[in-house]
Amino acid sequence: MNSQRIIVPKMSSVIAHEARARAILRWLVRERVIEEQPSTCGSTGNRMGYALTDGARNVALQPERLPFGEPVNGLEVVLDRCIYTPTQGFLEEAGCAECRREVGEPLFDSLEEWMPGLTDNFTCPLCGHEDDINGFLFLQPCAFSNLGFIFNGWGEAGFSATFLDAFADWLDQPIAVVQVDRPSPAVKA
């Protein structure tokens, strides 16, 4: 399995998201969680990411499960509007924070307007409550944002609560941690 843990701010449009990403990267380099220079240790696009280093052991719940020595073990930063959900078994269920009723189907249908940035908000069709889409209640961790941090191969290692609190402080936003498990890509000869 190629597992990921993705840290995402619970805000659709993070202001100055590129500057915040750079600040997070500098912090992670200072903490020796990642290498300073990107390399081909990612899993998407051009495969560029920031490889993990020994300091990653200090922020993982199960450091022995970190992907040291694996070709895909790096942090990738996403600076585009993206939907972060588990890839297997995601229920697409959501509730309104105001009336506490199920609004999953209309909320997920509204992503057609959210994705191109036409709106950040969703309005509950049952009570009229309007909020950033991340303000609604989800049964499984997921998030919708223009900023995301994909930790490749870290799914089983997890993150310490202290690290997650510090990450949220650096972002100045509450965060979601989304776990994604998917089969490893086939190796071609």
N, C-alpha and C. Protein backbone atom coordinates (compact mmCIF):
# COMPACT_ATOMS: atom_id res chain seq x y z
N MET A 1 0.83 -1.19 0.00
CA MET A 1 0.00 0.00 0.00
C MET A 1 0.86 1.25 0.00
N ASN A 2 0.44 2.23 -0.77
CA ASN A 2 1.08 3.54 -0.76
C ASN A 2 0.15 4.44 0.03
N SER A 3 0.46 4.68 1.29
CA SER A 3 -0.43 5.45 2.14
C SER A 3 0.10 6.86 2.33
N GLN A 4 -0.84 7.75 2.53
CA GLN A 4 -0.50 9.16 2.73
C GLN A 4 -1.28 9.68 3.93
N ARG A 5 -0.69 10.64 4.60
CA ARG A 5 -1.40 11.46 5.57
C ARG A 5 -1.32 12.87 5.00
N ILE A 6 -2.47 13.50 4.89
CA ILE A 6 -2.53 14.83 4.28
C ILE A 6 -3.03 15.81 5.33
N ILE A 7 -2.26 16.85 5.58
CA ILE A 7 -2.66 17.90 6.50
C ILE A 7 -3.21 19.05 5.68
N VAL A 8 -4.45 19.44 6.00
CA VAL A 8 -5.15 20.45 5.21
C VAL A 8 -5.80 21.47 6.16
N PRO A 9 -5.62 22.76 5.92
CA PRO A 9 -6.35 23.74 6.71
C PRO A 9 -7.84 23.64 6.40
N LYS A 10 -8.67 23.83 7.42
CA LYS A 10 -10.12 23.76 7.22
C LYS A 10 -10.64 25.12 6.77
N MET A 11 -10.12 25.56 5.62
CA MET A 11 -10.54 26.83 5.02
C MET A 11 -10.35 26.71 3.51
N SER A 12 -11.38 27.06 2.78
CA SER A 12 -11.34 26.93 1.33
C SER A 12 -10.24 27.76 0.68
N SER A 13 -10.17 29.02 1.06
CA SER A 13 -9.20 29.94 0.46
C SER A 13 -8.31 30.53 1.54
N VAL A 14 -7.17 29.90 1.76
CA VAL A 14 -6.21 30.41 2.74
C VAL A 14 -5.53 31.63 2.13
N ILE A 15 -5.57 32.73 2.84
CA ILE A 15 -4.95 33.96 2.37
C ILE A 15 -3.44 33.80 2.41
N ALA A 16 -2.77 34.27 1.36
CA ALA A 16 -1.31 34.18 1.24
C ALA A 16 -0.84 32.73 1.42
N HIS A 17 -1.55 31.81 0.75
CA HIS A 17 -1.27 30.38 0.94
C HIS A 17 0.14 29.99 0.50
N GLU A 18 0.68 30.62 -0.51
CA GLU A 18 2.04 30.30 -0.95
C GLU A 18 3.06 30.72 0.11
N ALA A 19 2.89 31.88 0.70
CA ALA A 19 3.79 32.35 1.76
C ALA A 19 3.69 31.44 2.99
N ARG A 20 2.48 31.03 3.31
CA ARG A 20 2.32 30.11 4.46
C ARG A 20 2.99 28.77 4.18
N ALA A 21 2.88 28.30 2.97
CA ALA A 21 3.53 27.03 2.61
C ALA A 21 5.04 27.15 2.76
N ARG A 22 5.61 28.27 2.31
CA ARG A 22 7.05 28.47 2.45
C ARG A 22 7.46 28.52 3.92
N ALA A 23 6.66 29.18 4.75
CA ALA A 23 6.96 29.25 6.19
C ALA A 23 6.91 27.86 6.82
N ILE A 24 5.93 27.06 6.45
CA ILE A 24 5.83 25.69 6.97
C ILE A 24 7.05 24.88 6.54
N LEU A 25 7.45 24.99 5.28
CA LEU A 25 8.61 24.26 4.79
C LEU A 25 9.87 24.66 5.56
N ARG A 26 10.06 25.96 5.79
CA ARG A 26 11.24 26.41 6.56
C ARG A 26 11.21 25.83 7.97
N TRP A 27 10.05 25.83 8.60
CA TRP A 27 9.90 25.27 9.95
C TRP A 27 10.24 23.78 9.96
N LEU A 28 9.71 23.03 8.98
CA LEU A 28 9.97 21.59 8.93
C LEU A 28 11.45 21.29 8.65
N VAL A 29 12.10 22.14 7.88
CA VAL A 29 13.54 21.98 7.64
C VAL A 29 14.31 22.25 8.94
N ARG A 30 13.96 23.33 9.65
CA ARG A 30 14.62 23.64 10.93
C ARG A 30 14.46 22.51 11.94
N GLU A 31 13.28 21.87 11.93
CA GLU A 31 13.01 20.76 12.84
C GLU A 31 13.61 19.45 12.35
N ARG A 32 14.25 19.49 11.18
CA ARG A 32 14.88 18.33 10.55
C ARG A 32 13.87 17.22 10.26
N VAL A 33 12.63 17.61 9.93
CA VAL A 33 11.60 16.65 9.52
C VAL A 33 11.78 16.32 8.04
N ILE A 34 12.15 17.32 7.25
CA ILE A 34 12.33 17.15 5.80
C ILE A 34 13.65 17.76 5.36
N GLU A 35 14.10 17.33 4.18
CA GLU A 35 15.28 17.91 3.54
C GLU A 35 14.94 19.30 3.01
N GLU A 36 15.94 20.15 2.91
CA GLU A 36 15.72 21.51 2.42
C GLU A 36 15.46 21.56 0.92
N GLN A 37 16.15 20.72 0.16
CA GLN A 37 16.02 20.73 -1.29
C GLN A 37 15.07 19.63 -1.76
N PRO A 38 14.17 19.93 -2.69
CA PRO A 38 13.28 18.90 -3.21
C PRO A 38 14.04 17.86 -4.04
N SER A 39 13.48 16.68 -4.10
CA SER A 39 14.03 15.58 -4.91
C SER A 39 12.85 14.77 -5.45
N THR A 40 13.13 13.73 -6.19
CA THR A 40 12.06 12.94 -6.80
C THR A 40 11.55 11.86 -5.84
N CYS A 41 11.07 12.30 -4.68
CA CYS A 41 10.56 11.37 -3.66
C CYS A 41 9.04 11.51 -3.51
N GLY A 42 8.41 12.25 -4.40
CA GLY A 42 6.97 12.44 -4.35
C GLY A 42 6.25 11.38 -5.16
N SER A 43 4.93 11.52 -5.23
CA SER A 43 4.15 10.52 -5.96
C SER A 43 3.27 11.10 -7.05
N THR A 44 3.20 12.42 -7.15
CA THR A 44 2.31 13.02 -8.15
C THR A 44 3.09 13.95 -9.08
N GLY A 45 2.49 14.27 -10.19
CA GLY A 45 3.07 15.23 -11.13
C GLY A 45 4.50 14.91 -11.50
N ASN A 46 5.40 15.86 -11.23
CA ASN A 46 6.81 15.66 -11.56
C ASN A 46 7.56 14.89 -10.47
N ARG A 47 6.83 14.39 -9.49
CA ARG A 47 7.35 13.56 -8.39
C ARG A 47 8.28 14.33 -7.46
N MET A 48 8.32 15.64 -7.54
CA MET A 48 9.19 16.41 -6.66
C MET A 48 8.55 16.55 -5.28
N GLY A 49 9.36 16.33 -4.27
CA GLY A 49 8.91 16.46 -2.90
C GLY A 49 10.11 16.68 -2.00
N TYR A 50 9.85 16.80 -0.72
CA TYR A 50 10.90 17.02 0.27
C TYR A 50 11.04 15.74 1.08
N ALA A 51 12.18 15.05 0.92
CA ALA A 51 12.40 13.76 1.58
C ALA A 51 12.44 13.91 3.10
N LEU A 52 11.97 12.87 3.78
CA LEU A 52 12.01 12.91 5.24
C LEU A 52 13.43 12.71 5.73
N THR A 53 13.70 13.24 6.93
CA THR A 53 15.01 13.10 7.57
C THR A 53 14.80 12.57 8.98
N ASP A 54 15.89 12.41 9.71
CA ASP A 54 15.82 11.80 11.05
C ASP A 54 14.88 12.50 12.01
N GLY A 55 14.71 13.80 11.87
CA GLY A 55 13.81 14.53 12.76
C GLY A 55 12.36 14.11 12.63
N ALA A 56 12.02 13.43 11.54
CA ALA A 56 10.64 12.93 11.35
C ALA A 56 10.26 11.95 12.46
N ARG A 57 11.27 11.27 13.01
CA ARG A 57 11.00 10.32 14.11
C ARG A 57 10.41 11.03 15.33
N ASN A 58 10.73 12.30 15.49
CA ASN A 58 10.24 13.07 16.64
C ASN A 58 8.79 13.51 16.51
N VAL A 59 8.23 13.44 15.30
CA VAL A 59 6.86 13.92 15.09
C VAL A 59 5.89 12.79 14.74
N ALA A 60 6.39 11.58 14.60
CA ALA A 60 5.55 10.44 14.23
C ALA A 60 5.08 9.69 15.48
N LEU A 61 3.86 9.18 15.43
CA LEU A 61 3.36 8.33 16.52
C LEU A 61 4.09 6.99 16.56
N GLN A 62 4.35 6.45 15.38
CA GLN A 62 5.05 5.18 15.26
C GLN A 62 6.25 5.38 14.33
N PRO A 63 7.36 5.91 14.86
CA PRO A 63 8.50 6.23 14.01
C PRO A 63 9.04 5.03 13.24
N GLU A 64 8.88 3.85 13.79
CA GLU A 64 9.37 2.65 13.09
C GLU A 64 8.60 2.37 11.81
N ARG A 65 7.46 3.01 11.61
CA ARG A 65 6.64 2.82 10.41
C ARG A 65 6.90 3.88 9.34
N LEU A 66 7.82 4.80 9.60
CA LEU A 66 8.16 5.82 8.60
C LEU A 66 8.82 5.16 7.39
N PRO A 67 8.62 5.73 6.21
CA PRO A 67 9.10 5.10 4.97
C PRO A 67 10.56 5.39 4.61
N PHE A 68 11.46 5.33 5.60
CA PHE A 68 12.88 5.53 5.30
C PHE A 68 13.32 4.47 4.29
N GLY A 69 14.10 4.89 3.31
CA GLY A 69 14.61 3.97 2.30
C GLY A 69 13.65 3.67 1.17
N GLU A 70 12.42 4.15 1.26
CA GLU A 70 11.44 3.95 0.20
C GLU A 70 11.60 5.06 -0.85
N PRO A 71 11.36 4.75 -2.13
CA PRO A 71 11.52 5.78 -3.16
C PRO A 71 10.49 6.92 -3.04
N VAL A 72 9.32 6.61 -2.50
CA VAL A 72 8.28 7.63 -2.30
C VAL A 72 8.13 7.82 -0.79
N ASN A 73 8.71 8.91 -0.28
CA ASN A 73 8.66 9.16 1.16
C ASN A 73 8.59 10.64 1.48
N GLY A 74 8.33 11.46 0.50
CA GLY A 74 8.47 12.89 0.70
C GLY A 74 7.18 13.65 0.88
N LEU A 75 7.36 14.86 1.35
CA LEU A 75 6.27 15.82 1.52
C LEU A 75 6.06 16.56 0.21
N GLU A 76 4.83 16.56 -0.26
CA GLU A 76 4.46 17.37 -1.43
C GLU A 76 3.51 18.46 -0.96
N VAL A 77 3.67 19.65 -1.50
CA VAL A 77 2.81 20.77 -1.15
C VAL A 77 1.91 21.07 -2.34
N VAL A 78 0.62 21.15 -2.08
CA VAL A 78 -0.37 21.45 -3.12
C VAL A 78 -0.82 22.89 -2.93
N LEU A 79 -0.69 23.69 -3.96
CA LEU A 79 -1.04 25.11 -3.89
C LEU A 79 -2.25 25.45 -4.77
N ASP A 80 -2.99 24.44 -5.18
CA ASP A 80 -4.20 24.63 -5.98
C ASP A 80 -5.41 24.18 -5.18
N ARG A 81 -6.54 24.69 -5.54
CA ARG A 81 -7.80 24.29 -4.91
C ARG A 81 -7.98 22.79 -5.13
N CYS A 82 -8.22 22.07 -4.05
CA CYS A 82 -8.28 20.61 -4.14
C CYS A 82 -9.25 20.05 -3.10
N ILE A 83 -9.79 18.90 -3.42
CA ILE A 83 -10.69 18.16 -2.54
C ILE A 83 -9.89 17.02 -1.93
N TYR A 84 -9.82 16.95 -0.62
CA TYR A 84 -9.05 15.92 0.08
C TYR A 84 -10.00 14.99 0.82
N THR A 85 -10.15 13.78 0.29
CA THR A 85 -10.99 12.77 0.92
C THR A 85 -10.27 11.43 0.87
N PRO A 86 -10.63 10.50 1.76
CA PRO A 86 -10.08 9.15 1.62
C PRO A 86 -10.48 8.58 0.26
N THR A 87 -9.62 7.76 -0.34
CA THR A 87 -9.94 7.21 -1.66
C THR A 87 -10.74 5.91 -1.56
N GLN A 88 -10.71 5.27 -0.41
CA GLN A 88 -11.44 4.02 -0.25
C GLN A 88 -12.48 4.18 0.86
N GLY A 89 -13.70 3.80 0.57
CA GLY A 89 -14.75 3.79 1.58
C GLY A 89 -15.25 5.14 2.04
N PHE A 90 -15.03 6.18 1.27
CA PHE A 90 -15.52 7.49 1.68
C PHE A 90 -17.04 7.52 1.52
N LEU A 91 -17.75 7.91 2.55
CA LEU A 91 -19.21 7.80 2.59
C LEU A 91 -19.95 8.98 1.97
N GLU A 92 -19.29 10.09 1.76
CA GLU A 92 -19.93 11.30 1.24
C GLU A 92 -21.15 11.69 2.07
N GLU A 93 -20.98 11.62 3.38
CA GLU A 93 -22.04 12.04 4.29
C GLU A 93 -21.57 13.29 5.02
N ALA A 94 -22.48 14.25 5.13
CA ALA A 94 -22.17 15.49 5.81
C ALA A 94 -23.43 15.99 6.50
N GLY A 95 -23.22 16.77 7.54
CA GLY A 95 -24.34 17.33 8.28
C GLY A 95 -24.18 18.82 8.43
N CYS A 96 -25.29 19.46 8.65
CA CYS A 96 -25.29 20.91 8.88
C CYS A 96 -24.91 21.16 10.34
N ALA A 97 -24.01 22.09 10.56
CA ALA A 97 -23.58 22.43 11.91
C ALA A 97 -24.69 23.15 12.68
N GLU A 98 -25.64 23.72 11.98
CA GLU A 98 -26.72 24.47 12.62
C GLU A 98 -27.91 23.57 12.96
N CYS A 99 -28.49 22.90 11.96
CA CYS A 99 -29.70 22.10 12.21
C CYS A 99 -29.40 20.63 12.47
N ARG A 100 -28.14 20.22 12.26
CA ARG A 100 -27.68 18.86 12.54
C ARG A 100 -28.36 17.79 11.69
N ARG A 101 -28.84 18.18 10.51
CA ARG A 101 -29.46 17.19 9.62
C ARG A 101 -28.53 16.87 8.46
N GLU A 102 -28.75 15.73 7.83
CA GLU A 102 -27.94 15.22 6.73
C GLU A 102 -28.11 16.10 5.49
N VAL A 103 -26.96 16.57 4.95
CA VAL A 103 -26.97 17.39 3.74
C VAL A 103 -25.90 16.92 2.75
N GLY A 104 -25.45 15.68 2.90
CA GLY A 104 -24.33 15.18 2.12
C GLY A 104 -24.49 15.30 0.62
N GLU A 105 -25.61 14.81 0.10
CA GLU A 105 -25.78 14.81 -1.36
C GLU A 105 -25.74 16.21 -1.95
N PRO A 106 -26.54 17.16 -1.43
CA PRO A 106 -26.45 18.51 -2.01
C PRO A 106 -25.09 19.17 -1.76
N LEU A 107 -24.46 18.90 -0.63
CA LEU A 107 -23.16 19.49 -0.36
C LEU A 107 -22.14 18.99 -1.38
N PHE A 108 -22.08 17.69 -1.60
CA PHE A 108 -21.10 17.17 -2.55
C PHE A 108 -21.43 17.56 -3.99
N ASP A 109 -22.72 17.75 -4.29
CA ASP A 109 -23.10 18.27 -5.61
C ASP A 109 -22.60 19.70 -5.79
N SER A 110 -22.53 20.46 -4.69
CA SER A 110 -22.11 21.86 -4.77
C SER A 110 -20.61 22.00 -5.08
N LEU A 111 -19.88 20.92 -5.02
CA LEU A 111 -18.44 20.99 -5.30
C LEU A 111 -18.16 21.41 -6.74
N GLU A 112 -19.15 21.25 -7.62
CA GLU A 112 -18.98 21.72 -9.00
C GLU A 112 -18.82 23.24 -9.05
N GLU A 113 -19.41 23.95 -8.10
CA GLU A 113 -19.24 25.40 -8.00
C GLU A 113 -18.03 25.74 -7.14
N TRP A 114 -17.76 24.90 -6.13
CA TRP A 114 -16.65 25.17 -5.23
C TRP A 114 -15.30 25.00 -5.95
N MET A 115 -15.16 23.92 -6.70
CA MET A 115 -13.86 23.58 -7.30
C MET A 115 -13.27 24.70 -8.16
N PRO A 116 -14.02 25.32 -9.05
CA PRO A 116 -13.43 26.41 -9.84
C PRO A 116 -13.34 27.73 -9.08
N GLY A 117 -13.74 27.74 -7.81
CA GLY A 117 -13.62 28.95 -7.00
C GLY A 117 -14.78 29.92 -7.14
N LEU A 118 -15.90 29.44 -7.64
CA LEU A 118 -17.07 30.31 -7.76
C LEU A 118 -17.60 30.69 -6.37
N THR A 119 -17.35 29.82 -5.39
CA THR A 119 -17.76 30.08 -4.02
C THR A 119 -16.88 29.28 -3.07
N ASP A 120 -16.80 29.74 -1.83
CA ASP A 120 -16.15 28.98 -0.76
C ASP A 120 -17.20 28.36 0.14
N ASN A 121 -18.42 28.85 0.03
CA ASN A 121 -19.47 28.52 0.98
C ASN A 121 -20.47 27.51 0.43
N PHE A 122 -21.19 26.93 1.38
CA PHE A 122 -22.32 26.07 1.09
C PHE A 122 -23.46 26.54 1.99
N THR A 123 -24.67 26.50 1.46
CA THR A 123 -25.85 26.87 2.22
C THR A 123 -26.70 25.63 2.43
N CYS A 124 -27.02 25.36 3.68
CA CYS A 124 -27.85 24.20 4.00
C CYS A 124 -29.22 24.38 3.35
N PRO A 125 -29.65 23.41 2.54
CA PRO A 125 -30.95 23.54 1.88
C PRO A 125 -32.12 23.34 2.86
N LEU A 126 -31.83 22.89 4.07
CA LEU A 126 -32.89 22.61 5.04
C LEU A 126 -33.16 23.77 6.00
N CYS A 127 -32.10 24.50 6.38
CA CYS A 127 -32.31 25.59 7.35
C CYS A 127 -31.74 26.93 6.90
N GLY A 128 -30.99 26.95 5.78
CA GLY A 128 -30.44 28.20 5.27
C GLY A 128 -29.10 28.61 5.87
N HIS A 129 -28.56 27.81 6.78
CA HIS A 129 -27.25 28.14 7.38
C HIS A 129 -26.18 28.14 6.30
N GLU A 130 -25.38 29.21 6.25
CA GLU A 130 -24.31 29.32 5.26
C GLU A 130 -22.97 29.43 5.97
N ASP A 131 -21.98 28.70 5.45
CA ASP A 131 -20.64 28.71 6.03
C ASP A 131 -19.66 28.21 4.98
N ASP A 132 -18.35 28.42 5.24
CA ASP A 132 -17.32 27.78 4.42
C ASP A 132 -17.64 26.29 4.41
N ILE A 133 -17.45 25.65 3.30
CA ILE A 133 -17.80 24.24 3.16
C ILE A 133 -17.14 23.39 4.25
N ASN A 134 -15.97 23.81 4.72
CA ASN A 134 -15.28 23.09 5.78
C ASN A 134 -15.97 23.22 7.13
N GLY A 135 -16.89 24.15 7.26
CA GLY A 135 -17.62 24.34 8.51
C GLY A 135 -18.75 23.35 8.73
N PHE A 136 -19.02 22.52 7.74
CA PHE A 136 -20.06 21.50 7.89
C PHE A 136 -19.45 20.26 8.53
N LEU A 137 -20.29 19.38 9.02
CA LEU A 137 -19.85 18.21 9.78
C LEU A 137 -19.70 17.01 8.86
N PHE A 138 -18.56 16.35 8.95
CA PHE A 138 -18.28 15.19 8.11
C PHE A 138 -18.00 13.99 9.00
N LEU A 139 -18.52 12.82 8.60
CA LEU A 139 -18.30 11.60 9.38
C LEU A 139 -16.86 11.12 9.31
N GLN A 140 -16.19 11.41 8.21
CA GLN A 140 -14.80 11.01 8.04
C GLN A 140 -13.96 12.26 7.78
N PRO A 141 -12.71 12.25 8.23
CA PRO A 141 -11.86 13.43 7.98
C PRO A 141 -11.73 13.70 6.48
N CYS A 142 -12.02 14.93 6.12
CA CYS A 142 -11.84 15.40 4.75
C CYS A 142 -11.72 16.92 4.82
N ALA A 143 -11.26 17.53 3.75
CA ALA A 143 -11.13 18.98 3.74
C ALA A 143 -11.09 19.47 2.30
N PHE A 144 -11.34 20.76 2.15
CA PHE A 144 -11.44 21.41 0.85
C PHE A 144 -10.65 22.71 0.96
N SER A 145 -9.55 22.84 0.21
CA SER A 145 -8.70 24.01 0.40
C SER A 145 -7.79 24.25 -0.81
N ASN A 146 -7.22 25.45 -0.83
CA ASN A 146 -6.22 25.80 -1.84
C ASN A 146 -4.80 25.52 -1.32
N LEU A 147 -4.70 24.78 -0.23
CA LEU A 147 -3.41 24.45 0.35
C LEU A 147 -3.48 23.07 1.00
N GLY A 148 -2.50 22.23 0.71
CA GLY A 148 -2.46 20.90 1.31
C GLY A 148 -1.03 20.40 1.40
N PHE A 149 -0.77 19.57 2.40
CA PHE A 149 0.55 19.00 2.65
C PHE A 149 0.43 17.49 2.65
N ILE A 150 0.92 16.86 1.59
CA ILE A 150 0.80 15.41 1.41
C ILE A 150 2.09 14.75 1.90
N PHE A 151 1.97 13.96 2.97
CA PHE A 151 3.10 13.21 3.51
C PHE A 151 3.01 11.79 2.94
N ASN A 152 3.78 11.51 1.90
CA ASN A 152 3.75 10.22 1.22
C ASN A 152 4.39 9.13 2.06
N GLY A 153 3.68 8.00 2.18
CA GLY A 153 4.19 6.85 2.92
C GLY A 153 4.04 6.96 4.42
N TRP A 154 3.43 8.01 4.92
CA TRP A 154 3.34 8.25 6.36
C TRP A 154 2.04 7.76 6.97
N GLY A 155 1.18 7.11 6.18
CA GLY A 155 -0.13 6.71 6.68
C GLY A 155 -0.08 5.88 7.94
N GLU A 156 0.80 4.92 7.99
CA GLU A 156 0.87 4.03 9.15
C GLU A 156 1.66 4.64 10.31
N ALA A 157 2.52 5.60 10.03
CA ALA A 157 3.35 6.21 11.07
C ALA A 157 2.55 7.20 11.91
N GLY A 158 1.64 7.91 11.29
CA GLY A 158 0.83 8.91 12.00
C GLY A 158 1.65 10.11 12.45
N PHE A 159 0.97 11.04 13.11
CA PHE A 159 1.58 12.25 13.63
C PHE A 159 1.27 12.38 15.11
N SER A 160 2.21 12.92 15.86
CA SER A 160 1.95 13.18 17.28
C SER A 160 0.99 14.36 17.40
N ALA A 161 0.25 14.39 18.50
CA ALA A 161 -0.69 15.49 18.76
C ALA A 161 0.07 16.82 18.87
N THR A 162 1.25 16.79 19.44
CA THR A 162 2.06 18.00 19.58
C THR A 162 2.42 18.57 18.21
N PHE A 163 2.81 17.68 17.29
CA PHE A 163 3.15 18.11 15.93
C PHE A 163 1.93 18.72 15.24
N LEU A 164 0.79 18.06 15.36
CA LEU A 164 -0.42 18.58 14.71
C LEU A 164 -0.83 19.92 15.29
N ASP A 165 -0.69 20.09 16.60
CA ASP A 165 -1.00 21.38 17.22
C ASP A 165 -0.06 22.47 16.69
N ALA A 166 1.22 22.14 16.58
CA ALA A 166 2.20 23.11 16.07
C ALA A 166 1.91 23.44 14.61
N PHE A 167 1.53 22.42 13.83
CA PHE A 167 1.22 22.64 12.41
C PHE A 167 0.04 23.61 12.29
N ALA A 168 -1.01 23.39 13.09
CA ALA A 168 -2.18 24.27 13.06
C ALA A 168 -1.79 25.69 13.48
N ASP A 169 -0.88 25.81 14.46
CA ASP A 169 -0.42 27.13 14.87
C ASP A 169 0.32 27.84 13.74
N TRP A 170 1.17 27.11 13.03
CA TRP A 170 1.91 27.70 11.91
C TRP A 170 0.95 28.13 10.80
N LEU A 171 -0.10 27.37 10.58
CA LEU A 171 -1.08 27.74 9.56
C LEU A 171 -2.05 28.81 10.04
N ASP A 172 -2.15 28.94 11.36
CA ASP A 172 -3.12 29.84 11.99
C ASP A 172 -4.55 29.46 11.58
N GLN A 173 -4.76 28.14 11.46
CA GLN A 173 -6.06 27.60 11.05
C GLN A 173 -6.26 26.23 11.71
N PRO A 174 -7.49 25.87 11.99
CA PRO A 174 -7.73 24.46 12.36
C PRO A 174 -7.39 23.59 11.15
N ILE A 175 -7.02 22.35 11.41
CA ILE A 175 -6.62 21.46 10.32
C ILE A 175 -7.43 20.17 10.34
N ALA A 176 -7.42 19.50 9.21
CA ALA A 176 -7.93 18.14 9.09
C ALA A 176 -6.75 17.27 8.68
N VAL A 177 -6.76 16.03 9.14
CA VAL A 177 -5.75 15.06 8.72
C VAL A 177 -6.50 13.96 7.99
N VAL A 178 -6.23 13.86 6.70
CA VAL A 178 -6.92 12.91 5.84
C VAL A 178 -5.97 11.75 5.54
N GLN A 179 -6.45 10.54 5.77
CA GLN A 179 -5.65 9.35 5.47
C GLN A 179 -6.09 8.81 4.11
N VAL A 180 -5.12 8.55 3.24
CA VAL A 180 -5.40 8.00 1.91
C VAL A 180 -4.57 6.74 1.76
N ASP A 181 -5.25 5.63 1.50
CA ASP A 181 -4.58 4.36 1.23
C ASP A 181 -4.91 3.95 -0.18
N ARG A 182 -3.89 3.61 -0.94
CA ARG A 182 -4.13 3.16 -2.30
C ARG A 182 -3.05 2.16 -2.67
N PRO A 183 -3.36 1.28 -3.59
CA PRO A 183 -2.35 0.30 -4.01
C PRO A 183 -1.13 1.01 -4.59
N SER A 184 0.02 0.43 -4.35
CA SER A 184 1.26 0.99 -4.92
C SER A 184 1.20 0.90 -6.44
N PRO A 185 1.77 1.91 -7.12
CA PRO A 185 1.78 1.85 -8.58
C PRO A 185 2.60 0.64 -9.05
N ALA A 186 2.17 0.08 -10.17
CA ALA A 186 2.88 -1.08 -10.73
C ALA A 186 4.26 -0.65 -11.19
N VAL A 187 5.22 -1.52 -10.97
CA VAL A 187 6.57 -1.25 -11.43
C VAL A 187 6.70 -1.73 -12.86
N LYS A 188 7.15 -0.86 -13.74
CA LYS A 188 7.30 -1.22 -15.14
C LYS A 188 8.76 -1.53 -15.44
N ALA A 189 8.97 -2.59 -16.19
CA ALA A 189 10.34 -3.00 -16.53
C ALA A 189 10.85 -2.22 -17.71
